[in-house]
Amino acid sequence: MPDSRRQPPVPPDENPWRAAGLVTAIGAELAVCVGLGWWIGAVMDRDNGTSYWYLVGLVVGLVAGVGSAIALIRKYAGERRK
């Protein structure tokens, strides 16, 4: 009887596509949050005649993006522990 050349299935927590999806989601969330924060700050600068709100928007967007990334990682890690 010939040996089967089929590989055993990859456990869900070691699936490379899940890891790639997580990294992509983190990058996209961070980019959207920072970009949205900058845009809102730039609009506020334009409307108020100031030149610092874009920087405030960048920082707030970065903090929101990092918080969102941490929540996403915790969700992913929590699913792996089950």
PDB file of N, CA and C in Angstrom:
ATOM      1  N   MET A   1       0.827  -1.169   0.000  1.00  0.00           N
ATOM      2  CA  MET A   1       0.000   0.000   0.000  1.00  0.00           C
ATOM      3  C   MET A   1       0.881   1.245   0.000  1.00  0.00           C
ATOM      4  N   PRO A   2       0.703   2.153  -0.970  1.00  0.00           N
ATOM      5  CA  PRO A   2       1.565   3.352  -1.038  1.00  0.00           C
ATOM      6  C   PRO A   2       1.229   4.338   0.067  1.00  0.00           C
ATOM      7  N   ASP A   3       2.253   5.030   0.511  1.00  0.00           N
ATOM      8  CA  ASP A   3       2.054   6.070   1.526  1.00  0.00           C
ATOM      9  C   ASP A   3       1.331   7.263   0.912  1.00  0.00           C
ATOM     10  N   SER A   4       0.466   7.830   1.690  1.00  0.00           N
ATOM     11  CA  SER A   4      -0.265   9.006   1.235  1.00  0.00           C
ATOM     12  C   SER A   4       0.653  10.223   1.289  1.00  0.00           C
ATOM     13  N   ARG A   5       0.649  11.008   0.244  1.00  0.00           N
ATOM     14  CA  ARG A   5       1.485  12.209   0.188  1.00  0.00           C
ATOM     15  C   ARG A   5       0.724  13.435   0.677  1.00  0.00           C
ATOM     16  N   ARG A   6      -0.452  13.218   1.175  1.00  0.00           N
ATOM     17  CA  ARG A   6      -1.259  14.324   1.689  1.00  0.00           C
ATOM     18  C   ARG A   6      -0.700  14.832   3.005  1.00  0.00           C
ATOM     19  N   GLN A   7      -0.622  16.132   3.122  1.00  0.00           N
ATOM     20  CA  GLN A   7      -0.141  16.746   4.362  1.00  0.00           C
ATOM     21  C   GLN A   7      -1.279  16.806   5.369  1.00  0.00           C
ATOM     22  N   PRO A   8      -0.970  16.678   6.648  1.00  0.00           N
ATOM     23  CA  PRO A   8      -2.036  16.820   7.650  1.00  0.00           C
ATOM     24  C   PRO A   8      -2.565  18.247   7.632  1.00  0.00           C
ATOM     25  N   PRO A   9      -3.839  18.437   7.965  1.00  0.00           N
ATOM     26  CA  PRO A   9      -4.394  19.800   7.950  1.00  0.00           C
ATOM     27  C   PRO A   9      -3.716  20.679   8.987  1.00  0.00           C
ATOM     28  N   VAL A  10      -3.593  21.948   8.634  1.00  0.00           N
ATOM     29  CA  VAL A  10      -2.978  22.935   9.530  1.00  0.00           C
ATOM     30  C   VAL A  10      -4.007  23.319  10.580  1.00  0.00           C
ATOM     31  N   PRO A  11      -3.631  23.286  11.868  1.00  0.00           N
ATOM     32  CA  PRO A  11      -4.568  23.727  12.905  1.00  0.00           C
ATOM     33  C   PRO A  11      -4.963  25.181  12.669  1.00  0.00           C
ATOM     34  N   PRO A  12      -6.189  25.573  13.053  1.00  0.00           N
ATOM     35  CA  PRO A  12      -6.644  26.942  12.791  1.00  0.00           C
ATOM     36  C   PRO A  12      -5.753  28.020  13.386  1.00  0.00           C
ATOM     37  N   ASP A  13      -5.100  27.741  14.516  1.00  0.00           N
ATOM     38  CA  ASP A  13      -4.276  28.781  15.137  1.00  0.00           C
ATOM     39  C   ASP A  13      -2.911  28.926  14.464  1.00  0.00           C
ATOM     40  N   GLU A  14      -2.568  28.038  13.538  1.00  0.00           N
ATOM     41  CA  GLU A  14      -1.292  28.135  12.838  1.00  0.00           C
ATOM     42  C   GLU A  14      -1.488  28.408  11.347  1.00  0.00           C
ATOM     43  N   ASN A  15      -2.667  28.828  10.974  1.00  0.00           N
ATOM     44  CA  ASN A  15      -2.958  29.091   9.576  1.00  0.00           C
ATOM     45  C   ASN A  15      -2.266  30.385   9.149  1.00  0.00           C
ATOM     46  N   PRO A  16      -1.383  30.319   8.156  1.00  0.00           N
ATOM     47  CA  PRO A  16      -0.665  31.532   7.743  1.00  0.00           C
ATOM     48  C   PRO A  16      -1.586  32.584   7.115  1.00  0.00           C
ATOM     49  N   TRP A  17      -2.707  32.166   6.547  1.00  0.00           N
ATOM     50  CA  TRP A  17      -3.631  33.135   5.955  1.00  0.00           C
ATOM     51  C   TRP A  17      -4.323  33.965   7.029  1.00  0.00           C
ATOM     52  N   ARG A  18      -4.593  33.361   8.186  1.00  0.00           N
ATOM     53  CA  ARG A  18      -5.176  34.136   9.300  1.00  0.00           C
ATOM     54  C   ARG A  18      -4.181  35.176   9.794  1.00  0.00           C
ATOM     55  N   ALA A  19      -2.921  34.789   9.883  1.00  0.00           N
ATOM     56  CA  ALA A  19      -1.895  35.733  10.324  1.00  0.00           C
ATOM     57  C   ALA A  19      -1.732  36.864   9.312  1.00  0.00           C
ATOM     58  N   ALA A  20      -1.753  36.539   8.031  1.00  0.00           N
ATOM     59  CA  ALA A  20      -1.647  37.575   6.997  1.00  0.00           C
ATOM     60  C   ALA A  20      -2.863  38.501   7.047  1.00  0.00           C
ATOM     61  N   GLY A  21      -4.028  37.946   7.280  1.00  0.00           N
ATOM     62  CA  GLY A  21      -5.230  38.762   7.400  1.00  0.00           C
ATOM     63  C   GLY A  21      -5.164  39.697   8.593  1.00  0.00           C
ATOM     64  N   LEU A  22      -4.626  39.197   9.705  1.00  0.00           N
ATOM     65  CA  LEU A  22      -4.493  40.028  10.903  1.00  0.00           C
ATOM     66  C   LEU A  22      -3.548  41.193  10.656  1.00  0.00           C
ATOM     67  N   VAL A  23      -2.415  40.918  10.043  1.00  0.00           N
ATOM     68  CA  VAL A  23      -1.435  41.968   9.770  1.00  0.00           C
ATOM     69  C   VAL A  23      -2.019  43.000   8.803  1.00  0.00           C
ATOM     70  N   THR A  24      -2.733  42.529   7.795  1.00  0.00           N
ATOM     71  CA  THR A  24      -3.358  43.442   6.843  1.00  0.00           C
ATOM     72  C   THR A  24      -4.419  44.311   7.515  1.00  0.00           C
ATOM     73  N   ALA A  25      -5.228  43.690   8.373  1.00  0.00           N
ATOM     74  CA  ALA A  25      -6.272  44.437   9.070  1.00  0.00           C
ATOM     75  C   ALA A  25      -5.673  45.490   9.993  1.00  0.00           C
ATOM     76  N   ILE A  26      -4.605  45.145  10.682  1.00  0.00           N
ATOM     77  CA  ILE A  26      -3.958  46.103  11.577  1.00  0.00           C
ATOM     78  C   ILE A  26      -3.403  47.278  10.777  1.00  0.00           C
ATOM     79  N   GLY A  27      -2.736  46.994   9.679  1.00  0.00           N
ATOM     80  CA  GLY A  27      -2.181  48.065   8.849  1.00  0.00           C
ATOM     81  C   GLY A  27      -3.259  48.971   8.272  1.00  0.00           C
ATOM     82  N   ALA A  28      -4.338  48.361   7.800  1.00  0.00           N
ATOM     83  CA  ALA A  28      -5.423  49.149   7.216  1.00  0.00           C
ATOM     84  C   ALA A  28      -6.100  50.014   8.280  1.00  0.00           C
ATOM     85  N   GLU A  29      -6.365  49.440   9.451  1.00  0.00           N
ATOM     86  CA  GLU A  29      -6.998  50.213  10.531  1.00  0.00           C
ATOM     87  C   GLU A  29      -6.133  51.380  10.957  1.00  0.00           C
ATOM     88  N   LEU A  30      -4.849  51.133  11.110  1.00  0.00           N
ATOM     89  CA  LEU A  30      -3.938  52.193  11.532  1.00  0.00           C
ATOM     90  C   LEU A  30      -3.882  53.303  10.482  1.00  0.00           C
ATOM     91  N   ALA A  31      -3.796  52.929   9.213  1.00  0.00           N
ATOM     92  CA  ALA A  31      -3.736  53.928   8.141  1.00  0.00           C
ATOM     93  C   ALA A  31      -5.026  54.743   8.074  1.00  0.00           C
ATOM     94  N   VAL A  32      -6.165  54.083   8.196  1.00  0.00           N
ATOM     95  CA  VAL A  32      -7.442  54.802   8.128  1.00  0.00           C
ATOM     96  C   VAL A  32      -7.592  55.752   9.314  1.00  0.00           C
ATOM     97  N   CYS A  33      -7.255  55.293  10.504  1.00  0.00           N
ATOM     98  CA  CYS A  33      -7.394  56.146  11.693  1.00  0.00           C
ATOM     99  C   CYS A  33      -6.486  57.366  11.621  1.00  0.00           C
ATOM    100  N   VAL A  34      -5.238  57.165  11.233  1.00  0.00           N
ATOM    101  CA  VAL A  34      -4.302  58.293  11.140  1.00  0.00           C
ATOM    102  C   VAL A  34      -4.738  59.237  10.015  1.00  0.00           C
ATOM    103  N   GLY A  35      -5.109  58.684   8.878  1.00  0.00           N
ATOM    104  CA  GLY A  35      -5.550  59.525   7.762  1.00  0.00           C
ATOM    105  C   GLY A  35      -6.798  60.311   8.086  1.00  0.00           C
ATOM    106  N   LEU A  36      -7.748  59.673   8.740  1.00  0.00           N
ATOM    107  CA  LEU A  36      -8.980  60.358   9.119  1.00  0.00           C
ATOM    108  C   LEU A  36      -8.700  61.448  10.157  1.00  0.00           C
ATOM    109  N   GLY A  37      -7.833  61.158  11.113  1.00  0.00           N
ATOM    110  CA  GLY A  37      -7.465  62.170  12.106  1.00  0.00           C
ATOM    111  C   GLY A  37      -6.789  63.367  11.465  1.00  0.00           C
ATOM    112  N   TRP A  38      -5.876  63.114  10.522  1.00  0.00           N
ATOM    113  CA  TRP A  38      -5.217  64.217   9.823  1.00  0.00           C
ATOM    114  C   TRP A  38      -6.228  65.030   9.027  1.00  0.00           C
ATOM    115  N   TRP A  39      -7.140  64.348   8.323  1.00  0.00           N
ATOM    116  CA  TRP A  39      -8.116  65.043   7.488  1.00  0.00           C
ATOM    117  C   TRP A  39      -9.038  65.928   8.332  1.00  0.00           C
ATOM    118  N   ILE A  40      -9.526  65.393   9.435  1.00  0.00           N
ATOM    119  CA  ILE A  40     -10.399  66.186  10.310  1.00  0.00           C
ATOM    120  C   ILE A  40      -9.635  67.390  10.860  1.00  0.00           C
ATOM    121  N   GLY A  41      -8.377  67.170  11.259  1.00  0.00           N
ATOM    122  CA  GLY A  41      -7.565  68.293  11.741  1.00  0.00           C
ATOM    123  C   GLY A  41      -7.305  69.326  10.667  1.00  0.00           C
ATOM    124  N   ALA A  42      -7.071  68.886   9.432  1.00  0.00           N
ATOM    125  CA  ALA A  42      -6.832  69.832   8.331  1.00  0.00           C
ATOM    126  C   ALA A  42      -8.093  70.640   8.028  1.00  0.00           C
ATOM    127  N   VAL A  43      -9.249  70.007   8.098  1.00  0.00           N
ATOM    128  CA  VAL A  43     -10.505  70.730   7.887  1.00  0.00           C
ATOM    129  C   VAL A  43     -10.709  71.763   8.993  1.00  0.00           C
ATOM    130  N   MET A  44     -10.406  71.378  10.219  1.00  0.00           N
ATOM    131  CA  MET A  44     -10.544  72.334  11.329  1.00  0.00           C
ATOM    132  C   MET A  44      -9.568  73.495  11.161  1.00  0.00           C
ATOM    133  N   ASP A  45      -8.341  73.204  10.715  1.00  0.00           N
ATOM    134  CA  ASP A  45      -7.372  74.273  10.468  1.00  0.00           C
ATOM    135  C   ASP A  45      -7.877  75.222   9.394  1.00  0.00           C
ATOM    136  N   ARG A  46      -8.411  74.671   8.313  1.00  0.00           N
ATOM    137  CA  ARG A  46      -8.906  75.503   7.218  1.00  0.00           C
ATOM    138  C   ARG A  46     -10.070  76.384   7.671  1.00  0.00           C
ATOM    139  N   ASP A  47     -10.981  75.802   8.435  1.00  0.00           N
ATOM    140  CA  ASP A  47     -12.166  76.550   8.866  1.00  0.00           C
ATOM    141  C   ASP A  47     -11.853  77.591   9.938  1.00  0.00           C
ATOM    142  N   ASN A  48     -10.886  77.311  10.797  1.00  0.00           N
ATOM    143  CA  ASN A  48     -10.585  78.214  11.909  1.00  0.00           C
ATOM    144  C   ASN A  48      -9.384  79.120  11.657  1.00  0.00           C
ATOM    145  N   GLY A  49      -8.671  78.916  10.567  1.00  0.00           N
ATOM    146  CA  GLY A  49      -7.498  79.734  10.279  1.00  0.00           C
ATOM    147  C   GLY A  49      -6.324  79.420  11.182  1.00  0.00           C
ATOM    148  N   THR A  50      -6.252  78.224  11.696  1.00  0.00           N
ATOM    149  CA  THR A  50      -5.146  77.824  12.568  1.00  0.00           C
ATOM    150  C   THR A  50      -4.184  76.933  11.802  1.00  0.00           C
ATOM    151  N   SER A  51      -3.121  76.503  12.483  1.00  0.00           N
ATOM    152  CA  SER A  51      -2.150  75.631  11.816  1.00  0.00           C
ATOM    153  C   SER A  51      -1.650  74.501  12.719  1.00  0.00           C
ATOM    154  N   TYR A  52      -2.435  74.120  13.687  1.00  0.00           N
ATOM    155  CA  TYR A  52      -1.978  73.071  14.585  1.00  0.00           C
ATOM    156  C   TYR A  52      -2.971  71.923  14.736  1.00  0.00           C
ATOM    157  N   TRP A  53      -4.208  72.073  14.295  1.00  0.00           N
ATOM    158  CA  TRP A  53      -5.190  71.014  14.497  1.00  0.00           C
ATOM    159  C   TRP A  53      -4.863  69.752  13.708  1.00  0.00           C
ATOM    160  N   TYR A  54      -4.180  69.895  12.565  1.00  0.00           N
ATOM    161  CA  TYR A  54      -3.823  68.697  11.810  1.00  0.00           C
ATOM    162  C   TYR A  54      -2.903  67.795  12.633  1.00  0.00           C
ATOM    163  N   LEU A  55      -2.021  68.416  13.413  1.00  0.00           N
ATOM    164  CA  LEU A  55      -1.122  67.640  14.260  1.00  0.00           C
ATOM    165  C   LEU A  55      -1.878  66.972  15.399  1.00  0.00           C
ATOM    166  N   VAL A  56      -2.825  67.682  15.983  1.00  0.00           N
ATOM    167  CA  VAL A  56      -3.675  67.096  17.028  1.00  0.00           C
ATOM    168  C   VAL A  56      -4.458  65.920  16.443  1.00  0.00           C
ATOM    169  N   GLY A  57      -4.987  66.105  15.227  1.00  0.00           N
ATOM    170  CA  GLY A  57      -5.720  65.034  14.565  1.00  0.00           C
ATOM    171  C   GLY A  57      -4.847  63.820  14.299  1.00  0.00           C
ATOM    172  N   LEU A  58      -3.601  64.051  13.898  1.00  0.00           N
ATOM    173  CA  LEU A  58      -2.674  62.936  13.677  1.00  0.00           C
ATOM    174  C   LEU A  58      -2.444  62.146  14.961  1.00  0.00           C
ATOM    175  N   VAL A  59      -2.199  62.845  16.047  1.00  0.00           N
ATOM    176  CA  VAL A  59      -1.931  62.174  17.320  1.00  0.00           C
ATOM    177  C   VAL A  59      -3.164  61.412  17.801  1.00  0.00           C
ATOM    178  N   VAL A  60      -4.329  62.043  17.722  1.00  0.00           N
ATOM    179  CA  VAL A  60      -5.561  61.369  18.146  1.00  0.00           C
ATOM    180  C   VAL A  60      -5.832  60.158  17.250  1.00  0.00           C
ATOM    181  N   GLY A  61      -5.608  60.297  15.951  1.00  0.00           N
ATOM    182  CA  GLY A  61      -5.785  59.179  15.031  1.00  0.00           C
ATOM    183  C   GLY A  61      -4.814  58.049  15.313  1.00  0.00           C
ATOM    184  N   LEU A  62      -3.589  58.385  15.637  1.00  0.00           N
ATOM    185  CA  LEU A  62      -2.597  57.360  15.967  1.00  0.00           C
ATOM    186  C   LEU A  62      -2.980  56.618  17.238  1.00  0.00           C
ATOM    187  N   VAL A  63      -3.411  57.350  18.252  1.00  0.00           N
ATOM    188  CA  VAL A  63      -3.835  56.715  19.507  1.00  0.00           C
ATOM    189  C   VAL A  63      -5.042  55.814  19.264  1.00  0.00           C
ATOM    190  N   ALA A  64      -5.994  56.297  18.469  1.00  0.00           N
ATOM    191  CA  ALA A  64      -7.176  55.487  18.161  1.00  0.00           C
ATOM    192  C   ALA A  64      -6.784  54.247  17.357  1.00  0.00           C
ATOM    193  N   GLY A  65      -5.873  54.402  16.419  1.00  0.00           N
ATOM    194  CA  GLY A  65      -5.427  53.265  15.615  1.00  0.00           C
ATOM    195  C   GLY A  65      -4.692  52.219  16.435  1.00  0.00           C
ATOM    196  N   VAL A  66      -3.847  52.658  17.336  1.00  0.00           N
ATOM    197  CA  VAL A  66      -3.123  51.714  18.196  1.00  0.00           C
ATOM    198  C   VAL A  66      -4.097  51.000  19.131  1.00  0.00           C
ATOM    199  N   GLY A  67      -5.052  51.745  19.692  1.00  0.00           N
ATOM    200  CA  GLY A  67      -6.061  51.113  20.542  1.00  0.00           C
ATOM    201  C   GLY A  67      -6.886  50.095  19.787  1.00  0.00           C
ATOM    202  N   SER A  68      -7.240  50.421  18.571  1.00  0.00           N
ATOM    203  CA  SER A  68      -8.007  49.498  17.736  1.00  0.00           C
ATOM    204  C   SER A  68      -7.177  48.263  17.385  1.00  0.00           C
ATOM    205  N   ALA A  69      -5.896  48.460  17.104  1.00  0.00           N
ATOM    206  CA  ALA A  69      -5.018  47.330  16.794  1.00  0.00           C
ATOM    207  C   ALA A  69      -4.860  46.412  18.008  1.00  0.00           C
ATOM    208  N   ILE A  70      -4.738  46.995  19.180  1.00  0.00           N
ATOM    209  CA  ILE A  70      -4.622  46.185  20.399  1.00  0.00           C
ATOM    210  C   ILE A  70      -5.897  45.370  20.616  1.00  0.00           C
ATOM    211  N   ALA A  71      -7.042  45.987  20.397  1.00  0.00           N
ATOM    212  CA  ALA A  71      -8.310  45.264  20.541  1.00  0.00           C
ATOM    213  C   ALA A  71      -8.410  44.132  19.532  1.00  0.00           C
ATOM    214  N   LEU A  72      -7.951  44.365  18.312  1.00  0.00           N
ATOM    215  CA  LEU A  72      -7.986  43.331  17.285  1.00  0.00           C
ATOM    216  C   LEU A  72      -7.055  42.175  17.640  1.00  0.00           C
ATOM    217  N   ILE A  73      -5.882  42.486  18.151  1.00  0.00           N
ATOM    218  CA  ILE A  73      -4.936  41.436  18.544  1.00  0.00           C
ATOM    219  C   ILE A  73      -5.489  40.633  19.718  1.00  0.00           C
ATOM    220  N   ARG A  74      -6.102  41.323  20.682  1.00  0.00           N
ATOM    221  CA  ARG A  74      -6.697  40.597  21.819  1.00  0.00           C
ATOM    222  C   ARG A  74      -7.816  39.682  21.364  1.00  0.00           C
ATOM    223  N   LYS A  75      -8.627  40.148  20.424  1.00  0.00           N
ATOM    224  CA  LYS A  75      -9.693  39.315  19.882  1.00  0.00           C
ATOM    225  C   LYS A  75      -9.119  38.097  19.179  1.00  0.00           C
ATOM    226  N   TYR A  76      -8.089  38.300  18.379  1.00  0.00           N
ATOM    227  CA  TYR A  76      -7.446  37.191  17.670  1.00  0.00           C
ATOM    228  C   TYR A  76      -6.812  36.211  18.649  1.00  0.00           C
ATOM    229  N   ALA A  77      -6.119  36.718  19.657  1.00  0.00           N
ATOM    230  CA  ALA A  77      -5.467  35.850  20.640  1.00  0.00           C
ATOM    231  C   ALA A  77      -6.512  35.120  21.497  1.00  0.00           C
ATOM    232  N   GLY A  78      -7.632  35.761  21.781  1.00  0.00           N
ATOM    233  CA  GLY A  78      -8.688  35.120  22.552  1.00  0.00           C
ATOM    234  C   GLY A  78      -9.318  33.973  21.800  1.00  0.00           C
ATOM    235  N   GLU A  79      -9.466  34.097  20.477  1.00  0.00           N
ATOM    236  CA  GLU A  79     -10.009  33.015  19.674  1.00  0.00           C
ATOM    237  C   GLU A  79      -9.053  31.852  19.636  1.00  0.00           C
ATOM    238  N   ARG A  80      -7.773  32.098  19.676  1.00  0.00           N
ATOM    239  CA  ARG A  80      -6.774  31.023  19.630  1.00  0.00           C
ATOM    240  C   ARG A  80      -6.762  30.216  20.922  1.00  0.00           C
ATOM    241  N   ARG A  81      -7.081  30.846  22.046  1.00  0.00           N
ATOM    242  CA  ARG A  81      -7.006  30.161  23.337  1.00  0.00           C
ATOM    243  C   ARG A  81      -8.143  29.188  23.567  1.00  0.00           C
ATOM    244  N   LYS A  82      -9.227  29.329  22.828  1.00  0.00           N
ATOM    245  CA  LYS A  82     -10.398  28.484  23.062  1.00  0.00           C
ATOM    246  C   LYS A  82     -10.162  27.055  22.685  1.00  0.00           C
TER     247      LYS A  82
END
